[in-house]
Amino acid sequence: MADTLTPLIRDLLEWIAKQPRTHAEVIDGWRTSCPRLPVWEEATDHGLVARKGRMVELTARGRAFLEDHGASNA
């Protein structure tokens, strides 16, 4: 994972961890067409988040990522 993406992915994971988020809400706020900032795509590809029906939640790997990267609300 590119170092430039790590803080952005941490922000995404912290945002999801704060309260339940729908897939539509996550995609609306975090999907990008910029090839240099594929935050949602990287989080998904690395198994940090998972879609459960309409909702998106952190996986165990996502929670570990937050712990490893100094998240405030893991």
N, C-alpha and C. Protein backbone atom coordinates (compact mmCIF):
# COMPACT_ATOMS: atom_id res chain seq x y z
N MET A 1 0.84 -1.17 0.00
CA MET A 1 0.00 0.00 0.00
C MET A 1 0.89 1.24 0.00
N ALA A 2 0.60 2.17 -0.86
CA ALA A 2 1.42 3.38 -0.98
C ALA A 2 1.33 4.22 0.29
N ASP A 3 2.46 4.75 0.72
CA ASP A 3 2.49 5.57 1.93
C ASP A 3 1.57 6.77 1.86
N THR A 4 1.36 7.32 0.68
CA THR A 4 0.46 8.47 0.56
C THR A 4 -1.00 8.09 0.83
N LEU A 5 -1.33 6.83 0.64
CA LEU A 5 -2.70 6.38 0.87
C LEU A 5 -2.97 6.01 2.33
N THR A 6 -1.95 5.66 3.07
CA THR A 6 -2.16 5.17 4.43
C THR A 6 -2.97 6.13 5.29
N PRO A 7 -2.65 7.43 5.36
CA PRO A 7 -3.48 8.32 6.18
C PRO A 7 -4.92 8.43 5.69
N LEU A 8 -5.11 8.38 4.39
CA LEU A 8 -6.47 8.46 3.84
C LEU A 8 -7.27 7.20 4.16
N ILE A 9 -6.62 6.05 4.05
CA ILE A 9 -7.30 4.80 4.39
C ILE A 9 -7.62 4.77 5.88
N ARG A 10 -6.71 5.25 6.70
CA ARG A 10 -6.99 5.34 8.14
C ARG A 10 -8.21 6.23 8.38
N ASP A 11 -8.29 7.36 7.70
CA ASP A 11 -9.46 8.25 7.84
C ASP A 11 -10.75 7.53 7.45
N LEU A 12 -10.72 6.81 6.34
CA LEU A 12 -11.89 6.05 5.90
C LEU A 12 -12.29 5.04 6.96
N LEU A 13 -11.35 4.27 7.46
CA LEU A 13 -11.66 3.24 8.44
C LEU A 13 -12.17 3.83 9.75
N GLU A 14 -11.59 4.93 10.18
CA GLU A 14 -12.07 5.60 11.39
C GLU A 14 -13.51 6.09 11.19
N TRP A 15 -13.79 6.63 10.01
CA TRP A 15 -15.12 7.13 9.70
C TRP A 15 -16.14 6.00 9.73
N ILE A 16 -15.80 4.86 9.15
CA ILE A 16 -16.70 3.71 9.16
C ILE A 16 -16.86 3.17 10.59
N ALA A 17 -15.79 3.18 11.37
CA ALA A 17 -15.83 2.63 12.73
C ALA A 17 -16.71 3.45 13.67
N LYS A 18 -16.89 4.73 13.39
CA LYS A 18 -17.65 5.61 14.28
C LYS A 18 -19.13 5.25 14.35
N GLN A 19 -19.71 4.84 13.23
CA GLN A 19 -21.12 4.47 13.20
C GLN A 19 -21.39 3.65 11.96
N PRO A 20 -22.48 2.89 11.95
CA PRO A 20 -22.80 2.09 10.77
C PRO A 20 -22.95 2.99 9.53
N ARG A 21 -22.42 2.51 8.41
CA ARG A 21 -22.49 3.26 7.14
C ARG A 21 -23.04 2.35 6.06
N THR A 22 -23.93 2.91 5.25
CA THR A 22 -24.42 2.14 4.11
C THR A 22 -23.37 2.16 3.00
N HIS A 23 -23.48 1.16 2.14
CA HIS A 23 -22.56 1.09 1.00
C HIS A 23 -22.69 2.35 0.15
N ALA A 24 -23.92 2.80 -0.07
CA ALA A 24 -24.14 4.01 -0.89
C ALA A 24 -23.46 5.22 -0.26
N GLU A 25 -23.56 5.35 1.05
CA GLU A 25 -22.93 6.48 1.75
C GLU A 25 -21.41 6.42 1.62
N VAL A 26 -20.84 5.25 1.76
CA VAL A 26 -19.39 5.09 1.65
C VAL A 26 -18.93 5.41 0.23
N ILE A 27 -19.61 4.85 -0.74
CA ILE A 27 -19.22 5.08 -2.13
C ILE A 27 -19.37 6.56 -2.49
N ASP A 28 -20.43 7.19 -2.04
CA ASP A 28 -20.64 8.60 -2.33
C ASP A 28 -19.51 9.46 -1.77
N GLY A 29 -19.03 9.11 -0.61
CA GLY A 29 -18.00 9.92 0.03
C GLY A 29 -16.56 9.53 -0.28
N TRP A 30 -16.33 8.28 -0.69
CA TRP A 30 -14.94 7.82 -0.76
C TRP A 30 -14.50 7.24 -2.08
N ARG A 31 -15.37 6.96 -2.99
CA ARG A 31 -14.93 6.42 -4.28
C ARG A 31 -14.39 7.56 -5.12
N THR A 32 -13.34 7.30 -5.86
CA THR A 32 -12.74 8.33 -6.69
C THR A 32 -12.34 7.76 -8.04
N SER A 33 -12.28 8.63 -9.00
CA SER A 33 -11.80 8.21 -10.31
C SER A 33 -10.32 8.56 -10.47
N CYS A 34 -9.75 9.17 -9.43
CA CYS A 34 -8.33 9.55 -9.48
C CYS A 34 -7.47 8.30 -9.29
N PRO A 35 -6.65 7.95 -10.28
CA PRO A 35 -5.85 6.73 -10.15
C PRO A 35 -4.79 6.82 -9.04
N ARG A 36 -4.50 8.01 -8.55
CA ARG A 36 -3.50 8.15 -7.50
C ARG A 36 -4.08 8.06 -6.10
N LEU A 37 -5.40 8.15 -5.97
CA LEU A 37 -6.04 8.13 -4.65
C LEU A 37 -7.20 7.14 -4.59
N PRO A 38 -6.93 5.88 -4.84
CA PRO A 38 -8.00 4.87 -4.82
C PRO A 38 -8.27 4.35 -3.40
N VAL A 39 -8.73 5.23 -2.52
CA VAL A 39 -8.86 4.90 -1.10
C VAL A 39 -9.82 3.74 -0.88
N TRP A 40 -11.05 3.86 -1.35
CA TRP A 40 -12.04 2.79 -1.17
C TRP A 40 -11.56 1.51 -1.83
N GLU A 41 -11.03 1.61 -3.02
CA GLU A 41 -10.59 0.43 -3.75
C GLU A 41 -9.46 -0.29 -3.02
N GLU A 42 -8.50 0.47 -2.49
CA GLU A 42 -7.39 -0.14 -1.74
C GLU A 42 -7.88 -0.79 -0.46
N ALA A 43 -8.76 -0.13 0.26
CA ALA A 43 -9.30 -0.70 1.50
C ALA A 43 -10.04 -2.01 1.21
N THR A 44 -10.78 -2.03 0.13
CA THR A 44 -11.50 -3.25 -0.26
C THR A 44 -10.53 -4.33 -0.71
N ASP A 45 -9.60 -3.98 -1.58
CA ASP A 45 -8.64 -4.96 -2.11
C ASP A 45 -7.81 -5.60 -1.01
N HIS A 46 -7.50 -4.84 0.04
CA HIS A 46 -6.67 -5.36 1.13
C HIS A 46 -7.49 -6.01 2.25
N GLY A 47 -8.80 -6.13 2.04
CA GLY A 47 -9.66 -6.81 3.00
C GLY A 47 -9.85 -6.05 4.30
N LEU A 48 -9.78 -4.72 4.25
CA LEU A 48 -9.93 -3.91 5.46
C LEU A 48 -11.40 -3.61 5.76
N VAL A 49 -12.23 -3.67 4.74
CA VAL A 49 -13.66 -3.44 4.88
C VAL A 49 -14.40 -4.55 4.14
N ALA A 50 -15.65 -4.75 4.53
CA ALA A 50 -16.48 -5.75 3.87
C ALA A 50 -17.91 -5.22 3.79
N ARG A 51 -18.55 -5.57 2.73
CA ARG A 51 -19.95 -5.20 2.56
C ARG A 51 -20.81 -6.33 3.12
N LYS A 52 -21.73 -5.96 3.98
CA LYS A 52 -22.68 -6.91 4.57
C LYS A 52 -24.07 -6.41 4.23
N GLY A 53 -24.63 -6.92 3.15
CA GLY A 53 -25.91 -6.42 2.67
C GLY A 53 -25.74 -4.98 2.22
N ARG A 54 -26.53 -4.06 2.78
CA ARG A 54 -26.44 -2.63 2.42
C ARG A 54 -25.34 -1.91 3.20
N MET A 55 -24.81 -2.56 4.23
CA MET A 55 -23.87 -1.90 5.13
C MET A 55 -22.42 -2.26 4.80
N VAL A 56 -21.53 -1.37 5.22
CA VAL A 56 -20.08 -1.62 5.11
C VAL A 56 -19.54 -1.63 6.52
N GLU A 57 -18.70 -2.60 6.82
CA GLU A 57 -18.11 -2.67 8.14
C GLU A 57 -16.63 -3.01 8.06
N LEU A 58 -15.94 -2.74 9.14
CA LEU A 58 -14.52 -3.09 9.21
C LEU A 58 -14.39 -4.58 9.41
N THR A 59 -13.36 -5.13 8.82
CA THR A 59 -13.02 -6.53 9.07
C THR A 59 -12.03 -6.56 10.24
N ALA A 60 -11.68 -7.75 10.66
CA ALA A 60 -10.66 -7.88 11.70
C ALA A 60 -9.35 -7.26 11.20
N ARG A 61 -9.06 -7.44 9.94
CA ARG A 61 -7.86 -6.84 9.35
C ARG A 61 -7.93 -5.32 9.37
N GLY A 62 -9.12 -4.77 9.14
CA GLY A 62 -9.31 -3.32 9.19
C GLY A 62 -9.11 -2.77 10.59
N ARG A 63 -9.64 -3.48 11.60
CA ARG A 63 -9.44 -3.06 12.99
C ARG A 63 -7.96 -3.12 13.36
N ALA A 64 -7.28 -4.16 12.90
CA ALA A 64 -5.84 -4.28 13.16
C ALA A 64 -5.08 -3.14 12.49
N PHE A 65 -5.49 -2.77 11.28
CA PHE A 65 -4.86 -1.65 10.58
C PHE A 65 -4.97 -0.37 11.42
N LEU A 66 -6.16 -0.13 11.97
CA LEU A 66 -6.34 1.06 12.80
C LEU A 66 -5.45 1.02 14.04
N GLU A 67 -5.37 -0.13 14.66
CA GLU A 67 -4.49 -0.25 15.82
C GLU A 67 -3.03 -0.01 15.46
N ASP A 68 -2.62 -0.56 14.33
CA ASP A 68 -1.22 -0.43 13.88
C ASP A 68 -0.86 0.97 13.42
N HIS A 69 -1.86 1.75 13.02
CA HIS A 69 -1.59 3.07 12.46
C HIS A 69 -2.08 4.21 13.34
N GLY A 70 -2.17 3.96 14.64
CA GLY A 70 -2.44 5.01 15.60
C GLY A 70 -3.80 5.66 15.49
N ALA A 71 -4.82 4.89 15.20
CA ALA A 71 -6.16 5.47 15.09
C ALA A 71 -6.67 5.90 16.46
N SER A 72 -7.46 6.94 16.45
CA SER A 72 -7.99 7.47 17.70
C SER A 72 -9.21 6.72 18.21
N ASN A 73 -10.01 6.14 17.30
CA ASN A 73 -11.25 5.47 17.71
C ASN A 73 -11.39 4.08 17.12
N ALA A 74 -10.40 3.25 17.26
CA ALA A 74 -10.46 1.91 16.69
C ALA A 74 -11.43 1.10 17.40
